[in-house]
Amino acid sequence: ELLKSSADELYNNEADGVLGNADGKVVLVEFFDFSCGYCHKIYPAIKNVVAKNPDLKVVAKSMTFVAPVSKYAAKAALAAKEQGKFEAVYKGLFEAQGPLTEAKVDEIAVLSGVDLEQMKADMNSPEKALNDMSDLAGKINVTGVPTLVLNGKVVQTLDEAVIQSEIDAARNN
């Protein structure tokens, strides 16, 4: 019920980062934190289902509670979105080895083709978006990351096959 009443915020918020097909007919929402170990474990599954499902839109909702650098990374990724580089920075942050630091986030952004000065100038804009994501998570009882929402239901798994099965079921509804 909470998911239904929050559908517009979940699926259609312009401030969110998007992976895959922005106009996809099947929409998977991922609540994650760039500093979360389990989010790093689910990343290959997310990457693979995006690659295998051309009609899939993944709405990326950054949470920022796991580590102090989480907020910096989330703001950087959303600022990179202004340059059309959200997906590249998202992938770079999840493919990075070792713990994230602000310097590593900046380096990943540059390697992703982001104009660093512009990104830093744009990093204050996502503050409201991050607060909205956090408020939505609280409203729909997202208590941990990663949390996936697909077709109006919460899917708690790290298993790519389970995610794919849910995508297939959503496509057939």
N, C-alpha and C. Protein backbone atom coordinates (compact mmCIF):
# COMPACT_ATOMS: atom_id res chain seq x y z
N GLU A 1 0.83 -1.20 0.00
CA GLU A 1 0.00 0.00 0.00
C GLU A 1 0.88 1.26 0.00
N LEU A 2 1.90 1.25 0.88
CA LEU A 2 2.83 2.39 0.92
C LEU A 2 3.54 2.55 -0.42
N LEU A 3 3.90 1.43 -1.05
CA LEU A 3 4.59 1.49 -2.34
C LEU A 3 3.68 2.08 -3.41
N LYS A 4 2.41 1.69 -3.39
CA LYS A 4 1.47 2.21 -4.38
C LYS A 4 1.27 3.71 -4.21
N SER A 5 1.10 4.15 -2.96
CA SER A 5 0.87 5.58 -2.73
C SER A 5 2.11 6.43 -3.00
N SER A 6 3.27 5.79 -3.06
CA SER A 6 4.52 6.51 -3.32
C SER A 6 5.07 6.24 -4.71
N ALA A 7 4.26 5.67 -5.59
CA ALA A 7 4.74 5.23 -6.90
C ALA A 7 5.42 6.34 -7.69
N ASP A 8 4.84 7.53 -7.70
CA ASP A 8 5.42 8.60 -8.49
C ASP A 8 6.81 8.97 -7.97
N GLU A 9 6.94 9.10 -6.64
CA GLU A 9 8.25 9.39 -6.04
C GLU A 9 9.25 8.27 -6.31
N LEU A 10 8.77 7.04 -6.29
CA LEU A 10 9.64 5.89 -6.49
C LEU A 10 10.17 5.81 -7.92
N TYR A 11 9.28 5.94 -8.88
CA TYR A 11 9.62 5.61 -10.26
C TYR A 11 9.92 6.81 -11.15
N ASN A 12 9.42 8.00 -10.81
CA ASN A 12 9.46 9.11 -11.76
C ASN A 12 10.09 10.39 -11.23
N ASN A 13 10.96 10.30 -10.26
CA ASN A 13 11.58 11.51 -9.72
C ASN A 13 12.73 11.92 -10.64
N GLU A 14 12.61 13.11 -11.21
CA GLU A 14 13.62 13.61 -12.15
C GLU A 14 15.01 13.71 -11.53
N ALA A 15 15.08 13.84 -10.20
CA ALA A 15 16.37 14.02 -9.53
C ALA A 15 17.16 12.72 -9.41
N ASP A 16 16.51 11.58 -9.60
CA ASP A 16 17.18 10.30 -9.42
C ASP A 16 18.13 10.00 -10.57
N GLY A 17 19.15 9.21 -10.26
CA GLY A 17 20.01 8.68 -11.30
C GLY A 17 19.30 7.52 -11.97
N VAL A 18 19.60 7.30 -13.25
CA VAL A 18 18.96 6.20 -13.99
C VAL A 18 20.04 5.39 -14.69
N LEU A 19 19.88 4.07 -14.64
CA LEU A 19 20.74 3.14 -15.37
C LEU A 19 19.88 2.45 -16.41
N GLY A 20 20.51 2.02 -17.49
CA GLY A 20 19.76 1.28 -18.52
C GLY A 20 18.92 2.21 -19.36
N ASN A 21 17.73 1.75 -19.72
CA ASN A 21 16.82 2.45 -20.62
C ASN A 21 15.96 3.44 -19.84
N ALA A 22 16.23 4.74 -20.02
CA ALA A 22 15.48 5.77 -19.28
C ALA A 22 13.98 5.70 -19.55
N ASP A 23 13.60 5.12 -20.69
CA ASP A 23 12.18 4.99 -21.02
C ASP A 23 11.71 3.54 -20.88
N GLY A 24 12.46 2.74 -20.12
CA GLY A 24 12.15 1.32 -19.98
C GLY A 24 10.75 1.05 -19.46
N LYS A 25 10.17 -0.02 -19.96
CA LYS A 25 8.82 -0.40 -19.55
C LYS A 25 8.81 -1.12 -18.20
N VAL A 26 9.91 -1.79 -17.88
CA VAL A 26 10.05 -2.45 -16.58
C VAL A 26 10.97 -1.56 -15.74
N VAL A 27 10.51 -1.23 -14.51
CA VAL A 27 11.27 -0.30 -13.68
C VAL A 27 11.66 -0.97 -12.36
N LEU A 28 12.96 -1.01 -12.14
CA LEU A 28 13.53 -1.54 -10.90
C LEU A 28 14.10 -0.36 -10.13
N VAL A 29 13.72 -0.22 -8.88
CA VAL A 29 14.26 0.83 -8.02
C VAL A 29 15.28 0.19 -7.10
N GLU A 30 16.46 0.79 -7.04
CA GLU A 30 17.51 0.28 -6.16
C GLU A 30 17.85 1.35 -5.13
N PHE A 31 17.60 1.04 -3.86
CA PHE A 31 18.09 1.87 -2.76
C PHE A 31 19.45 1.29 -2.39
N PHE A 32 20.49 2.12 -2.39
CA PHE A 32 21.85 1.64 -2.17
C PHE A 32 22.67 2.72 -1.48
N ASP A 33 23.86 2.35 -1.09
CA ASP A 33 24.84 3.28 -0.54
C ASP A 33 26.18 2.89 -1.15
N PHE A 34 26.89 3.87 -1.70
CA PHE A 34 28.17 3.57 -2.35
C PHE A 34 29.20 2.97 -1.40
N SER A 35 28.98 3.10 -0.08
CA SER A 35 29.92 2.55 0.90
C SER A 35 29.47 1.21 1.47
N CYS A 36 28.38 0.67 0.96
CA CYS A 36 27.80 -0.57 1.50
C CYS A 36 28.41 -1.80 0.83
N GLY A 37 28.94 -2.69 1.64
CA GLY A 37 29.54 -3.92 1.12
C GLY A 37 28.55 -4.78 0.36
N TYR A 38 27.33 -4.92 0.87
CA TYR A 38 26.32 -5.73 0.18
C TYR A 38 25.88 -5.07 -1.13
N CYS A 39 25.90 -3.74 -1.16
CA CYS A 39 25.57 -3.04 -2.41
C CYS A 39 26.64 -3.32 -3.46
N HIS A 40 27.89 -3.45 -3.01
CA HIS A 40 28.96 -3.81 -3.94
C HIS A 40 28.78 -5.25 -4.41
N LYS A 41 28.26 -6.12 -3.53
CA LYS A 41 28.03 -7.52 -3.92
C LYS A 41 26.89 -7.64 -4.94
N ILE A 42 25.87 -6.79 -4.84
CA ILE A 42 24.74 -6.89 -5.76
C ILE A 42 25.03 -6.16 -7.08
N TYR A 43 26.03 -5.29 -7.07
CA TYR A 43 26.33 -4.50 -8.28
C TYR A 43 26.49 -5.35 -9.55
N PRO A 44 27.26 -6.44 -9.55
CA PRO A 44 27.38 -7.23 -10.79
C PRO A 44 26.02 -7.74 -11.29
N ALA A 45 25.13 -8.10 -10.37
CA ALA A 45 23.80 -8.57 -10.77
C ALA A 45 23.01 -7.43 -11.42
N ILE A 46 23.09 -6.24 -10.82
CA ILE A 46 22.40 -5.08 -11.40
C ILE A 46 22.96 -4.79 -12.79
N LYS A 47 24.29 -4.77 -12.89
CA LYS A 47 24.95 -4.50 -14.17
C LYS A 47 24.52 -5.52 -15.22
N ASN A 48 24.46 -6.80 -14.85
CA ASN A 48 24.09 -7.86 -15.79
C ASN A 48 22.63 -7.78 -16.21
N VAL A 49 21.71 -7.52 -15.27
CA VAL A 49 20.30 -7.46 -15.67
C VAL A 49 20.04 -6.24 -16.55
N VAL A 50 20.79 -5.16 -16.33
CA VAL A 50 20.65 -3.99 -17.22
C VAL A 50 21.11 -4.39 -18.63
N ALA A 51 22.23 -5.09 -18.71
CA ALA A 51 22.76 -5.50 -20.01
C ALA A 51 21.83 -6.48 -20.74
N LYS A 52 21.17 -7.35 -19.99
CA LYS A 52 20.34 -8.40 -20.60
C LYS A 52 18.90 -7.97 -20.90
N ASN A 53 18.49 -6.83 -20.36
CA ASN A 53 17.09 -6.41 -20.48
C ASN A 53 17.00 -4.99 -21.04
N PRO A 54 16.94 -4.87 -22.37
CA PRO A 54 16.93 -3.54 -22.98
C PRO A 54 15.70 -2.70 -22.61
N ASP A 55 14.66 -3.33 -22.07
CA ASP A 55 13.47 -2.58 -21.67
C ASP A 55 13.48 -2.25 -20.17
N LEU A 56 14.65 -2.39 -19.52
CA LEU A 56 14.75 -2.17 -18.08
C LEU A 56 15.29 -0.78 -17.76
N LYS A 57 14.57 -0.09 -16.90
CA LYS A 57 15.01 1.19 -16.33
C LYS A 57 15.32 0.91 -14.85
N VAL A 58 16.52 1.25 -14.42
CA VAL A 58 16.86 1.13 -13.01
C VAL A 58 16.93 2.53 -12.43
N VAL A 59 16.09 2.80 -11.45
CA VAL A 59 16.09 4.08 -10.76
C VAL A 59 16.99 3.91 -9.53
N ALA A 60 18.07 4.69 -9.51
CA ALA A 60 19.08 4.57 -8.46
C ALA A 60 18.83 5.60 -7.37
N LYS A 61 18.56 5.13 -6.17
CA LYS A 61 18.28 6.02 -5.03
C LYS A 61 19.40 5.87 -4.01
N SER A 62 20.22 6.90 -3.92
CA SER A 62 21.39 6.88 -3.04
C SER A 62 21.02 7.16 -1.59
N MET A 63 21.40 6.25 -0.73
CA MET A 63 21.31 6.48 0.70
C MET A 63 22.71 6.88 1.17
N THR A 64 22.80 7.53 2.30
CA THR A 64 24.10 8.09 2.69
C THR A 64 24.41 7.87 4.16
N PHE A 65 24.11 6.68 4.67
CA PHE A 65 24.28 6.47 6.11
C PHE A 65 25.37 5.47 6.48
N VAL A 66 25.98 4.80 5.53
CA VAL A 66 26.94 3.74 5.87
C VAL A 66 28.29 4.31 6.32
N ALA A 67 28.76 5.35 5.63
CA ALA A 67 30.07 5.93 5.96
C ALA A 67 30.04 7.43 5.64
N PRO A 68 30.92 8.20 6.26
CA PRO A 68 30.93 9.64 5.99
C PRO A 68 31.11 9.98 4.51
N VAL A 69 31.87 9.18 3.77
CA VAL A 69 32.11 9.49 2.35
C VAL A 69 30.89 9.17 1.48
N SER A 70 29.92 8.45 2.02
CA SER A 70 28.72 8.08 1.24
C SER A 70 28.02 9.31 0.67
N LYS A 71 27.86 10.34 1.48
CA LYS A 71 27.15 11.53 1.03
C LYS A 71 27.93 12.23 -0.09
N TYR A 72 29.25 12.31 0.06
CA TYR A 72 30.08 12.93 -0.97
C TYR A 72 29.95 12.15 -2.28
N ALA A 73 30.02 10.83 -2.21
CA ALA A 73 29.92 9.99 -3.40
C ALA A 73 28.55 10.15 -4.06
N ALA A 74 27.49 10.16 -3.26
CA ALA A 74 26.14 10.30 -3.80
C ALA A 74 25.96 11.66 -4.48
N LYS A 75 26.44 12.71 -3.82
CA LYS A 75 26.33 14.06 -4.40
C LYS A 75 27.15 14.16 -5.69
N ALA A 76 28.32 13.53 -5.69
CA ALA A 76 29.17 13.55 -6.89
C ALA A 76 28.48 12.85 -8.06
N ALA A 77 27.89 11.68 -7.79
CA ALA A 77 27.21 10.93 -8.85
C ALA A 77 26.02 11.72 -9.40
N LEU A 78 25.25 12.33 -8.50
CA LEU A 78 24.09 13.11 -8.96
C LEU A 78 24.53 14.39 -9.67
N ALA A 79 25.64 14.99 -9.24
CA ALA A 79 26.17 16.16 -9.94
C ALA A 79 26.68 15.74 -11.33
N ALA A 80 27.27 14.55 -11.42
CA ALA A 80 27.74 14.03 -12.71
C ALA A 80 26.56 13.83 -13.67
N LYS A 81 25.39 13.56 -13.11
CA LYS A 81 24.18 13.39 -13.92
C LYS A 81 23.92 14.64 -14.76
N GLU A 82 24.23 15.80 -14.21
CA GLU A 82 24.05 17.07 -14.94
C GLU A 82 24.90 17.09 -16.20
N GLN A 83 25.96 16.28 -16.23
CA GLN A 83 26.83 16.20 -17.41
C GLN A 83 26.56 14.94 -18.22
N GLY A 84 25.47 14.24 -17.87
CA GLY A 84 25.13 13.01 -18.59
C GLY A 84 26.03 11.84 -18.23
N LYS A 85 26.64 11.88 -17.05
CA LYS A 85 27.64 10.87 -16.68
C LYS A 85 27.27 10.09 -15.42
N PHE A 86 25.99 10.09 -15.03
CA PHE A 86 25.62 9.38 -13.79
C PHE A 86 26.00 7.90 -13.87
N GLU A 87 25.59 7.24 -14.95
CA GLU A 87 25.80 5.80 -15.04
C GLU A 87 27.29 5.46 -15.02
N ALA A 88 28.11 6.28 -15.70
CA ALA A 88 29.56 6.03 -15.73
C ALA A 88 30.16 6.17 -14.33
N VAL A 89 29.73 7.19 -13.59
CA VAL A 89 30.27 7.41 -12.24
C VAL A 89 29.75 6.32 -11.30
N TYR A 90 28.47 5.97 -11.40
CA TYR A 90 27.89 4.90 -10.59
C TYR A 90 28.71 3.62 -10.77
N LYS A 91 28.95 3.24 -12.04
CA LYS A 91 29.73 2.03 -12.33
C LYS A 91 31.15 2.15 -11.77
N GLY A 92 31.77 3.30 -11.99
CA GLY A 92 33.13 3.51 -11.49
C GLY A 92 33.23 3.39 -9.98
N LEU A 93 32.25 3.95 -9.27
CA LEU A 93 32.28 3.89 -7.81
C LEU A 93 32.08 2.45 -7.32
N PHE A 94 31.23 1.70 -8.01
CA PHE A 94 31.02 0.32 -7.58
C PHE A 94 32.13 -0.62 -8.04
N GLU A 95 32.87 -0.24 -9.06
CA GLU A 95 33.96 -1.10 -9.53
C GLU A 95 35.30 -0.73 -8.89
N ALA A 96 35.32 0.35 -8.13
CA ALA A 96 36.56 0.78 -7.46
C ALA A 96 36.99 -0.25 -6.42
N GLN A 97 38.28 -0.42 -6.30
CA GLN A 97 38.83 -1.36 -5.31
C GLN A 97 39.15 -0.58 -4.03
N GLY A 98 38.89 -1.21 -2.90
CA GLY A 98 39.21 -0.59 -1.62
C GLY A 98 38.18 0.45 -1.21
N PRO A 99 38.38 1.01 -0.02
CA PRO A 99 37.41 1.97 0.50
C PRO A 99 37.40 3.27 -0.31
N LEU A 100 36.25 3.88 -0.39
CA LEU A 100 36.13 5.16 -1.10
C LEU A 100 36.65 6.30 -0.22
N THR A 101 37.27 7.25 -0.87
CA THR A 101 37.66 8.51 -0.24
C THR A 101 37.17 9.62 -1.17
N GLU A 102 37.14 10.85 -0.69
CA GLU A 102 36.74 11.95 -1.56
C GLU A 102 37.67 12.04 -2.76
N ALA A 103 38.97 11.86 -2.54
CA ALA A 103 39.94 11.93 -3.65
C ALA A 103 39.67 10.84 -4.67
N LYS A 104 39.32 9.62 -4.20
CA LYS A 104 39.05 8.51 -5.13
C LYS A 104 37.76 8.79 -5.91
N VAL A 105 36.76 9.36 -5.24
CA VAL A 105 35.51 9.72 -5.93
C VAL A 105 35.81 10.72 -7.04
N ASP A 106 36.61 11.74 -6.73
CA ASP A 106 36.97 12.75 -7.74
C ASP A 106 37.71 12.11 -8.91
N GLU A 107 38.65 11.22 -8.59
CA GLU A 107 39.44 10.53 -9.63
C GLU A 107 38.53 9.71 -10.54
N ILE A 108 37.58 8.98 -9.94
CA ILE A 108 36.64 8.16 -10.71
C ILE A 108 35.77 9.05 -11.60
N ALA A 109 35.35 10.18 -11.07
CA ALA A 109 34.53 11.11 -11.86
C ALA A 109 35.31 11.58 -13.09
N VAL A 110 36.56 11.97 -12.89
CA VAL A 110 37.39 12.44 -14.00
C VAL A 110 37.59 11.32 -15.03
N LEU A 111 37.88 10.11 -14.54
CA LEU A 111 38.05 8.97 -15.44
C LEU A 111 36.76 8.65 -16.20
N SER A 112 35.62 9.06 -15.64
CA SER A 112 34.32 8.83 -16.28
C SER A 112 33.96 9.94 -17.27
N GLY A 113 34.87 10.90 -17.42
CA GLY A 113 34.63 11.97 -18.38
C GLY A 113 33.94 13.19 -17.81
N VAL A 114 33.91 13.31 -16.49
CA VAL A 114 33.24 14.43 -15.84
C VAL A 114 34.20 15.62 -15.74
N ASP A 115 33.67 16.81 -15.97
CA ASP A 115 34.41 18.04 -15.72
C ASP A 115 34.36 18.25 -14.20
N LEU A 116 35.49 18.06 -13.54
CA LEU A 116 35.55 18.06 -12.07
C LEU A 116 35.12 19.39 -11.47
N GLU A 117 35.57 20.49 -12.05
CA GLU A 117 35.19 21.80 -11.51
C GLU A 117 33.69 22.00 -11.59
N GLN A 118 33.10 21.60 -12.73
CA GLN A 118 31.65 21.73 -12.89
C GLN A 118 30.92 20.81 -11.91
N MET A 119 31.43 19.60 -11.74
CA MET A 119 30.80 18.66 -10.80
C MET A 119 30.81 19.26 -9.40
N LYS A 120 31.95 19.80 -8.98
CA LYS A 120 32.04 20.37 -7.63
C LYS A 120 31.08 21.55 -7.48
N ALA A 121 30.92 22.34 -8.55
CA ALA A 121 29.99 23.47 -8.51
C ALA A 121 28.54 22.97 -8.40
N ASP A 122 28.27 21.80 -9.01
CA ASP A 122 26.91 21.25 -9.01
C ASP A 122 26.59 20.39 -7.78
N MET A 123 27.58 20.16 -6.92
CA MET A 123 27.37 19.20 -5.83
C MET A 123 26.43 19.68 -4.73
N ASN A 124 26.11 20.96 -4.67
CA ASN A 124 25.15 21.41 -3.66
C ASN A 124 23.72 21.17 -4.09
N SER A 125 23.50 21.10 -5.40
CA SER A 125 22.14 20.90 -5.92
C SER A 125 21.49 19.59 -5.44
N PRO A 126 22.23 18.47 -5.39
CA PRO A 126 21.58 17.20 -5.02
C PRO A 126 21.15 17.09 -3.55
N GLU A 127 21.48 18.07 -2.72
CA GLU A 127 21.15 17.99 -1.29
C GLU A 127 19.66 17.68 -1.08
N LYS A 128 18.79 18.43 -1.76
CA LYS A 128 17.35 18.21 -1.61
C LYS A 128 16.97 16.83 -2.14
N ALA A 129 17.55 16.44 -3.28
CA ALA A 129 17.25 15.12 -3.85
C ALA A 129 17.61 14.01 -2.86
N LEU A 130 18.77 14.12 -2.22
CA LEU A 130 19.19 13.10 -1.25
C LEU A 130 18.25 13.08 -0.04
N ASN A 131 17.84 14.26 0.41
CA ASN A 131 16.88 14.31 1.52
C ASN A 131 15.56 13.69 1.12
N ASP A 132 15.11 13.95 -0.12
CA ASP A 132 13.86 13.36 -0.61
C ASP A 132 13.97 11.84 -0.68
N MET A 133 15.13 11.33 -1.16
CA MET A 133 15.35 9.88 -1.24
C MET A 133 15.28 9.25 0.15
N SER A 134 15.92 9.92 1.09
CA SER A 134 15.94 9.42 2.47
C SER A 134 14.53 9.45 3.08
N ASP A 135 13.81 10.54 2.84
CA ASP A 135 12.43 10.65 3.35
C ASP A 135 11.55 9.56 2.75
N LEU A 136 11.69 9.32 1.44
CA LEU A 136 10.91 8.27 0.78
C LEU A 136 11.24 6.91 1.38
N ALA A 137 12.53 6.64 1.58
CA ALA A 137 12.94 5.35 2.17
C ALA A 137 12.27 5.16 3.52
N GLY A 138 12.24 6.20 4.33
CA GLY A 138 11.58 6.11 5.63
C GLY A 138 10.10 5.88 5.50
N LYS A 139 9.48 6.57 4.55
CA LYS A 139 8.03 6.48 4.35
C LYS A 139 7.60 5.07 3.94
N ILE A 140 8.42 4.41 3.12
CA ILE A 140 8.03 3.08 2.63
C ILE A 140 8.74 1.95 3.39
N ASN A 141 9.35 2.31 4.51
CA ASN A 141 9.98 1.33 5.42
C ASN A 141 11.20 0.61 4.82
N VAL A 142 12.00 1.32 4.05
CA VAL A 142 13.28 0.77 3.61
C VAL A 142 14.23 0.97 4.80
N THR A 143 14.66 -0.15 5.38
CA THR A 143 15.46 -0.05 6.60
C THR A 143 16.92 -0.42 6.38
N GLY A 144 17.25 -0.88 5.19
CA GLY A 144 18.63 -1.25 4.92
C GLY A 144 18.89 -1.24 3.43
N VAL A 145 20.15 -1.33 3.09
CA VAL A 145 20.54 -1.38 1.69
C VAL A 145 21.39 -2.61 1.45
N PRO A 146 21.35 -3.18 0.25
CA PRO A 146 20.49 -2.76 -0.86
C PRO A 146 19.05 -3.23 -0.67
N THR A 147 18.14 -2.39 -1.11
CA THR A 147 16.73 -2.77 -1.19
C THR A 147 16.27 -2.50 -2.61
N LEU A 148 15.63 -3.49 -3.19
CA LEU A 148 15.10 -3.38 -4.55
C LEU A 148 13.58 -3.33 -4.49
N VAL A 149 12.99 -2.50 -5.33
CA VAL A 149 11.54 -2.45 -5.46
C VAL A 149 11.24 -2.66 -6.94
N LEU A 150 10.43 -3.66 -7.20
CA LEU A 150 10.09 -3.99 -8.59
C LEU A 150 8.61 -4.35 -8.66
N ASN A 151 7.92 -3.69 -9.57
CA ASN A 151 6.53 -4.02 -9.81
C ASN A 151 5.70 -3.93 -8.52
N GLY A 152 5.98 -2.89 -7.73
CA GLY A 152 5.18 -2.65 -6.53
C GLY A 152 5.50 -3.54 -5.35
N LYS A 153 6.62 -4.26 -5.39
CA LYS A 153 6.96 -5.07 -4.22
C LYS A 153 8.46 -5.01 -3.94
N VAL A 154 8.77 -5.19 -2.68
CA VAL A 154 10.17 -5.18 -2.25
C VAL A 154 10.78 -6.54 -2.53
N VAL A 155 11.96 -6.55 -3.13
CA VAL A 155 12.68 -7.78 -3.43
C VAL A 155 14.00 -7.73 -2.66
N GLN A 156 14.17 -8.63 -1.69
CA GLN A 156 15.39 -8.66 -0.89
C GLN A 156 16.23 -9.85 -1.33
N THR A 157 17.22 -9.58 -2.16
CA THR A 157 18.10 -10.64 -2.65
C THR A 157 19.38 -10.04 -3.17
N LEU A 158 20.42 -10.84 -3.23
CA LEU A 158 21.66 -10.47 -3.91
C LEU A 158 21.83 -11.33 -5.16
N ASP A 159 20.85 -12.19 -5.41
CA ASP A 159 20.93 -13.21 -6.46
C ASP A 159 20.40 -12.70 -7.80
N GLU A 160 21.27 -12.67 -8.79
CA GLU A 160 20.88 -12.19 -10.12
C GLU A 160 19.71 -12.97 -10.70
N ALA A 161 19.69 -14.29 -10.50
CA ALA A 161 18.61 -15.11 -11.06
C ALA A 161 17.26 -14.72 -10.46
N VAL A 162 17.25 -14.41 -9.18
CA VAL A 162 16.01 -13.98 -8.52
C VAL A 162 15.56 -12.63 -9.09
N ILE A 163 16.50 -11.73 -9.26
CA ILE A 163 16.18 -10.41 -9.82
C ILE A 163 15.63 -10.58 -11.24
N GLN A 164 16.30 -11.41 -12.04
CA GLN A 164 15.84 -11.64 -13.42
C GLN A 164 14.45 -12.25 -13.44
N SER A 165 14.20 -13.19 -12.55
CA SER A 165 12.89 -13.82 -12.46
C SER A 165 11.81 -12.78 -12.13
N GLU A 166 12.12 -11.87 -11.22
CA GLU A 166 11.17 -10.81 -10.86
C GLU A 166 10.94 -9.86 -12.04
N ILE A 167 12.01 -9.56 -12.79
CA ILE A 167 11.88 -8.71 -13.98
C ILE A 167 10.96 -9.39 -14.99
N ASP A 168 11.18 -10.69 -15.21
CA ASP A 168 10.34 -11.44 -16.16
C ASP A 168 8.88 -11.42 -15.72
N ALA A 169 8.65 -11.59 -14.41
CA ALA A 169 7.28 -11.59 -13.88
C ALA A 169 6.65 -10.20 -14.07
N ALA A 170 7.44 -9.14 -13.82
CA ALA A 170 6.92 -7.78 -13.97
C ALA A 170 6.57 -7.50 -15.43
N ARG A 171 7.38 -8.01 -16.34
CA ARG A 171 7.16 -7.81 -17.77
C ARG A 171 5.85 -8.47 -18.20
N ASN A 172 5.51 -9.58 -17.56
CA ASN A 172 4.31 -10.34 -17.94
C ASN A 172 3.04 -9.88 -17.25
N ASN A 173 3.17 -8.89 -16.36
CA ASN A 173 1.98 -8.38 -15.66
C ASN A 173 1.27 -7.31 -16.45
